[in-house]
N, C-alpha and C. Protein backbone atom coordinates (compact mmCIF):
# COMPACT_ATOMS: atom_id res chain seq x y z
N MET A 1 -23.71 -5.82 -4.50
CA MET A 1 -23.16 -5.86 -3.17
C MET A 1 -21.79 -4.57 -3.59
N GLU A 2 -21.67 -3.76 -2.62
CA GLU A 2 -20.61 -2.70 -2.72
C GLU A 2 -19.76 -2.52 -1.18
N ILE A 3 -18.59 -2.45 -1.66
CA ILE A 3 -17.63 -2.41 -0.35
C ILE A 3 -16.76 -1.01 -0.51
N LYS A 4 -16.96 -0.19 0.54
CA LYS A 4 -16.06 1.01 0.25
C LYS A 4 -14.78 0.62 0.86
N ILE A 5 -13.69 1.07 -0.17
CA ILE A 5 -12.26 0.54 0.08
C ILE A 5 -11.50 1.82 0.40
N ALA A 6 -11.82 2.99 0.04
CA ALA A 6 -10.81 4.01 0.47
C ALA A 6 -11.36 5.34 0.17
N THR A 7 -10.95 6.43 0.87
CA THR A 7 -11.30 7.77 0.50
C THR A 7 -9.94 8.52 0.49
N ARG A 8 -9.96 9.48 -0.63
CA ARG A 8 -8.60 10.37 -0.84
C ARG A 8 -9.11 11.65 -1.12
N GLN A 9 -8.29 12.61 -0.78
CA GLN A 9 -8.51 13.93 -1.21
C GLN A 9 -7.31 14.44 -1.84
N CYS A 10 -7.66 15.41 -2.90
CA CYS A 10 -6.51 16.24 -3.44
C CYS A 10 -7.08 17.51 -3.97
N ALA A 11 -6.29 18.28 -4.32
CA ALA A 11 -6.52 19.58 -4.89
C ALA A 11 -6.71 19.62 -6.39
N ASP A 12 -7.78 20.26 -6.90
CA ASP A 12 -7.90 20.79 -8.22
C ASP A 12 -6.83 21.45 -8.79
N GLN A 13 -6.91 21.89 -10.17
CA GLN A 13 -5.82 22.74 -10.57
C GLN A 13 -6.10 24.25 -10.12
N ARG A 14 -7.04 24.53 -9.32
CA ARG A 14 -7.51 25.83 -8.76
C ARG A 14 -7.02 25.71 -7.29
N GLY A 15 -6.68 24.60 -7.14
CA GLY A 15 -6.33 24.46 -5.41
C GLY A 15 -7.76 24.23 -4.56
N ASN A 16 -8.68 24.03 -5.10
CA ASN A 16 -10.10 23.60 -4.49
C ASN A 16 -9.92 22.18 -4.13
N PRO A 17 -10.27 21.90 -2.87
CA PRO A 17 -10.05 20.41 -2.29
C PRO A 17 -11.25 19.73 -2.98
N ARG A 18 -10.79 18.41 -3.18
CA ARG A 18 -11.75 17.40 -3.74
C ARG A 18 -11.62 16.15 -3.13
N ARG A 19 -12.73 15.48 -2.93
CA ARG A 19 -12.62 14.35 -2.26
C ARG A 19 -13.15 12.99 -3.00
N PHE A 20 -12.86 12.13 -3.15
CA PHE A 20 -13.18 10.75 -3.83
C PHE A 20 -13.43 9.80 -2.77
N HIS A 21 -14.46 8.95 -3.19
CA HIS A 21 -14.47 7.51 -2.47
C HIS A 21 -14.78 6.24 -3.41
N TYR A 22 -13.79 5.60 -3.03
CA TYR A 22 -13.73 4.30 -4.11
C TYR A 22 -14.32 3.14 -3.37
N PHE A 23 -15.28 2.57 -4.22
CA PHE A 23 -15.94 1.30 -4.04
C PHE A 23 -15.78 0.09 -4.89
N LEU A 24 -15.87 -1.14 -4.42
CA LEU A 24 -15.68 -2.36 -5.17
C LEU A 24 -17.11 -2.61 -5.00
N THR A 25 -17.57 -3.00 -6.33
CA THR A 25 -18.75 -3.38 -6.51
C THR A 25 -18.54 -5.12 -6.81
N VAL A 26 -19.66 -5.86 -6.16
CA VAL A 26 -19.70 -7.51 -6.44
C VAL A 26 -20.95 -7.85 -6.97
N ASP A 27 -20.87 -8.35 -8.08
CA ASP A 27 -22.41 -8.94 -8.61
C ASP A 27 -21.81 -10.49 -8.82
N GLN A 28 -23.04 -11.21 -8.46
CA GLN A 28 -22.92 -12.66 -8.59
C GLN A 28 -23.35 -13.22 -9.68
N GLU A 29 -22.68 -14.23 -10.39
CA GLU A 29 -22.96 -14.65 -11.82
C GLU A 29 -23.20 -16.08 -11.56
N GLU A 30 -24.23 -16.39 -12.05
CA GLU A 30 -24.63 -18.12 -11.85
C GLU A 30 -24.96 -18.47 -13.24
N THR A 31 -24.41 -19.86 -13.52
CA THR A 31 -24.82 -20.40 -14.66
C THR A 31 -25.16 -21.89 -14.47
N PRO A 32 -25.53 -22.80 -15.22
CA PRO A 32 -26.06 -24.05 -14.87
C PRO A 32 -25.01 -24.76 -14.38
N ARG A 33 -23.69 -24.54 -14.71
CA ARG A 33 -22.33 -25.25 -14.64
C ARG A 33 -21.55 -24.65 -13.44
N PHE A 34 -21.61 -23.25 -13.07
CA PHE A 34 -20.74 -22.83 -11.98
C PHE A 34 -21.28 -21.38 -11.26
N PHE A 35 -20.62 -20.92 -10.35
CA PHE A 35 -21.12 -19.79 -9.74
C PHE A 35 -19.85 -19.11 -9.53
N CYS A 36 -19.82 -17.49 -9.89
CA CYS A 36 -18.76 -16.86 -9.60
C CYS A 36 -18.89 -15.42 -9.24
N GLU A 37 -18.26 -14.63 -8.72
CA GLU A 37 -18.37 -13.23 -8.61
C GLU A 37 -17.89 -12.45 -9.53
N ASN A 38 -18.46 -11.40 -10.03
CA ASN A 38 -17.96 -10.56 -11.02
C ASN A 38 -17.64 -9.18 -10.32
N TYR A 39 -16.43 -8.52 -10.34
CA TYR A 39 -16.21 -7.39 -9.88
C TYR A 39 -16.04 -6.12 -10.62
N GLY A 40 -16.44 -4.99 -10.20
CA GLY A 40 -16.50 -3.75 -10.80
C GLY A 40 -16.01 -2.53 -9.94
N VAL A 41 -15.99 -1.31 -10.31
CA VAL A 41 -15.47 -0.49 -9.40
C VAL A 41 -16.70 0.84 -9.42
N ARG A 42 -16.68 1.74 -8.38
CA ARG A 42 -17.51 3.09 -8.45
C ARG A 42 -16.78 4.01 -7.63
N ILE A 43 -16.51 5.23 -8.18
CA ILE A 43 -16.01 6.26 -7.64
C ILE A 43 -17.02 7.36 -7.62
N ALA A 44 -17.31 7.70 -6.22
CA ALA A 44 -18.07 8.94 -6.03
C ALA A 44 -17.41 10.21 -5.44
N GLU A 45 -17.58 11.35 -5.95
CA GLU A 45 -16.90 12.67 -5.48
C GLU A 45 -17.87 13.16 -4.50
N GLU A 46 -17.64 13.54 -3.61
CA GLU A 46 -18.26 14.07 -2.31
C GLU A 46 -19.29 15.48 -2.84
N SER A 47 -18.64 16.07 -3.78
CA SER A 47 -19.70 17.27 -4.27
C SER A 47 -20.59 16.74 -5.25
N GLY A 48 -20.59 15.48 -5.74
CA GLY A 48 -21.62 15.09 -6.73
C GLY A 48 -21.48 14.28 -7.86
N GLY A 49 -20.44 14.11 -8.36
CA GLY A 49 -20.05 13.22 -9.46
C GLY A 49 -19.75 11.92 -9.06
N ASP A 50 -20.48 10.76 -9.82
CA ASP A 50 -20.38 9.67 -9.50
C ASP A 50 -20.41 8.71 -10.79
N ILE A 51 -19.61 7.60 -10.83
CA ILE A 51 -19.63 6.61 -11.78
C ILE A 51 -19.27 5.40 -11.40
N SER A 52 -20.01 4.17 -12.00
CA SER A 52 -19.66 2.87 -11.86
C SER A 52 -19.40 2.15 -13.10
N ILE A 53 -18.46 1.25 -13.06
CA ILE A 53 -18.14 0.44 -14.21
C ILE A 53 -18.45 -1.00 -13.52
N PRO A 54 -19.56 -1.81 -13.77
CA PRO A 54 -19.74 -3.06 -13.28
C PRO A 54 -19.19 -4.22 -14.04
N GLY A 55 -18.84 -5.37 -13.67
CA GLY A 55 -18.58 -6.39 -14.36
C GLY A 55 -17.19 -6.35 -15.24
N ILE A 56 -16.11 -5.74 -14.36
CA ILE A 56 -14.88 -5.67 -14.97
C ILE A 56 -14.23 -6.87 -15.31
N THR A 57 -13.93 -7.92 -14.17
CA THR A 57 -13.26 -9.18 -14.10
C THR A 57 -13.79 -9.85 -13.07
N THR A 58 -13.75 -11.28 -13.10
CA THR A 58 -14.11 -12.13 -12.10
C THR A 58 -12.82 -12.42 -11.20
N SER A 59 -11.62 -11.92 -11.46
CA SER A 59 -10.41 -12.31 -10.82
C SER A 59 -10.59 -11.12 -9.66
N ALA A 60 -10.29 -11.71 -8.34
CA ALA A 60 -9.91 -10.78 -7.20
C ALA A 60 -8.57 -10.15 -7.14
N ALA A 61 -7.66 -11.16 -7.85
CA ALA A 61 -6.36 -10.24 -7.84
C ALA A 61 -6.42 -8.99 -8.74
N ARG A 62 -6.95 -9.29 -9.84
CA ARG A 62 -6.83 -8.15 -10.82
C ARG A 62 -7.61 -7.07 -10.40
N ILE A 63 -8.87 -7.14 -9.73
CA ILE A 63 -9.57 -5.98 -9.30
C ILE A 63 -8.77 -5.33 -8.16
N ASP A 64 -8.18 -6.21 -7.27
CA ASP A 64 -7.30 -5.57 -6.13
C ASP A 64 -6.12 -4.59 -7.07
N GLU A 65 -5.59 -4.89 -7.95
CA GLU A 65 -4.59 -4.37 -8.65
C GLU A 65 -5.30 -3.06 -9.30
N LEU A 66 -6.34 -3.08 -10.00
CA LEU A 66 -7.22 -1.85 -10.49
C LEU A 66 -7.36 -0.99 -9.51
N MET A 67 -8.21 -1.31 -8.39
CA MET A 67 -8.34 -0.48 -7.17
C MET A 67 -7.15 0.15 -6.54
N ALA A 68 -5.95 -0.69 -6.41
CA ALA A 68 -4.94 0.16 -6.05
C ALA A 68 -4.31 1.11 -6.90
N LEU A 69 -4.44 0.95 -8.23
CA LEU A 69 -3.98 2.00 -9.04
C LEU A 69 -5.16 3.26 -9.16
N LEU A 70 -6.23 2.98 -9.06
CA LEU A 70 -7.39 4.12 -8.89
C LEU A 70 -6.98 4.75 -7.80
N VAL A 71 -7.06 4.51 -6.73
CA VAL A 71 -6.79 5.03 -5.22
C VAL A 71 -5.50 5.94 -5.08
N ASP A 72 -4.36 4.96 -5.75
CA ASP A 72 -2.98 5.81 -5.31
C ASP A 72 -2.82 6.97 -6.24
N ASN A 73 -3.36 6.74 -7.42
CA ASN A 73 -3.51 8.06 -8.60
C ASN A 73 -4.76 8.94 -8.20
N ARG A 74 -5.61 8.72 -7.18
CA ARG A 74 -6.62 9.48 -6.94
C ARG A 74 -7.32 9.88 -8.23
N VAL A 75 -7.66 8.65 -9.08
CA VAL A 75 -8.47 8.83 -10.14
C VAL A 75 -10.07 9.30 -9.74
N GLY A 76 -10.57 10.43 -10.37
CA GLY A 76 -11.91 10.93 -10.29
C GLY A 76 -12.88 10.24 -11.06
N PRO A 77 -14.03 10.45 -10.87
CA PRO A 77 -15.16 9.92 -11.72
C PRO A 77 -15.04 10.33 -13.27
N ALA A 78 -14.39 11.37 -13.51
CA ALA A 78 -14.38 11.71 -14.84
C ALA A 78 -13.22 11.02 -15.70
N GLY A 79 -12.19 10.28 -14.85
CA GLY A 79 -11.27 9.73 -15.41
C GLY A 79 -11.39 8.27 -15.54
N LEU A 80 -12.45 7.75 -14.75
CA LEU A 80 -12.55 6.19 -14.47
C LEU A 80 -12.62 5.51 -15.78
N SER A 81 -13.53 5.75 -16.75
CA SER A 81 -13.54 4.99 -17.78
C SER A 81 -12.38 4.72 -18.65
N ASP A 82 -11.56 6.15 -18.80
CA ASP A 82 -10.28 6.17 -19.68
C ASP A 82 -9.37 5.18 -19.09
N VAL A 83 -9.16 5.20 -17.71
CA VAL A 83 -8.29 4.33 -16.98
C VAL A 83 -8.60 2.80 -17.16
N VAL A 84 -10.00 2.74 -16.87
CA VAL A 84 -10.28 1.05 -17.07
C VAL A 84 -10.06 0.69 -18.45
N ALA A 85 -10.25 1.35 -19.56
CA ALA A 85 -10.04 1.00 -20.94
C ALA A 85 -8.52 0.84 -21.13
N ASP A 86 -7.74 1.73 -20.33
CA ASP A 86 -6.35 1.41 -20.82
C ASP A 86 -5.73 0.42 -19.80
N TRP A 87 -6.27 -0.09 -18.90
CA TRP A 87 -5.93 -0.91 -17.77
C TRP A 87 -6.38 -2.40 -18.59
N LEU A 88 -7.51 -2.48 -19.20
CA LEU A 88 -7.84 -3.77 -19.87
C LEU A 88 -7.07 -4.00 -20.97
């Protein structure tokens, strides 16, 4: 499942507009003893770039913190992996 969280626009180094769409991804994990949701993120650029990283955390509070960081800083698809690696 995927939930659109926000859309942000910014200008690149040449002044060209870029528009990013931010999504929360939710996978359901089931084991014999419990059931939980595993959260990830996807960023899609309107002009074509798209990347997702599933299964980052099972904590709703932590994924909310990460999503706010990504949206507030207008992180694009190219920077997602580095930001998530540093955040973890």
